């Protein structure tokens, strides 16, 4: 099923290899795609189990600390909860992702650095809210290491353009995952499915599969605190880390030659469609897009009476179907034209579903407030 590799024709060896070598014994440094952790090795599935347990413990510990220190999201006219909820629990998922980075070979340090900066910006914002522009600037700094480590199709775009494209992709997904984090289980559930789909498409013994397994395990450990009733929120720390992680999965998978990164956007298409179309609508209405609102399709559905679980399952179903489409066309060795057709059909379906939802669900009560803020 493999498509031509896009990463300067560098080999991408399996990650979980028999008799994993320790650095300095049989090779000077790990090649892109190899998992070499000095002094020890661990199977992907054992690491996933440990990651799940670690996320469960860290999330529970963080919740207790957040309650004690009053790190709470308070109810508001542009939020969907009506009681104070501890925030910042996404650090549990970020910790599992960070623990997985040594398994990414020679680019581990860059990926870890970007994750630390991105999560750190979100955590600061959770504890002491930052103005929109400085926050965006710090996100841009955090996106750069990942873009340097895994440029987007450098052979096709050239080095500078490939780095710029990857940087923009990371920045967009970090913010889109933050936008979608307004309903119980939505952001973490979508990230879990994207991570699991990446494992199925690329295999657990590749860099993308390794990180996807870590993301799925971390989300699985966090979700009991967020679904069906929210007892802990991801916070910006968690949503930023998830957006960064999803971008890393897509960039790594395209570098492995599994599929072009633009085609792998099928996996997070539910998030991209809702966040992207809502953002476009607000821009066209000349609203201040950096202000909080409740205009996303999932928010309108909840305000219309749908439960958080129901809307979350609908988005999950979309992601599963999109993942099946990505996997099936890859397995069939589909041509670029067929891939473009599938992607276009999914995009058209997303627009139609969004348009139907916009008409079916009454506008949120705060829409007039958002329009006032645009003046």
Foldseek 3Di string as FASTA:
>chain_A
DFFDFLAVPFAADFADDPPADADPPPDPFDGQWYFHDHPDDDDLVVLLVVLLVQLLVQLVVQLVVCVVVVLWDDDDQFADDHHTAREQSLVSLLVLLLVLLSGRTPLSVLLNQLLCQLLVLQVCCSVPNDDPPVSLVSNLVSLQSLLQSQFARCVVQNNVVSSVVLSVQLSVLLVLLVLQQRFFPQSLVLLLQLLVLLCVQPNCRTSLNSSSSSSNSSSNSNNVCRPPNHNYGNTSSNSNSSSNSSSSSLRRCSNNRSDRSVLSVLQVVLSCLQSVVQLVVCVVLQFPSVDRHQQGLLSLVVVQPDGSVVSSVVSSVSNVVSSCVSRVCSVVVHDPVVSVVVVVVSNVVSVVVRVVSPVVGDGRPCPVVRSVNSD
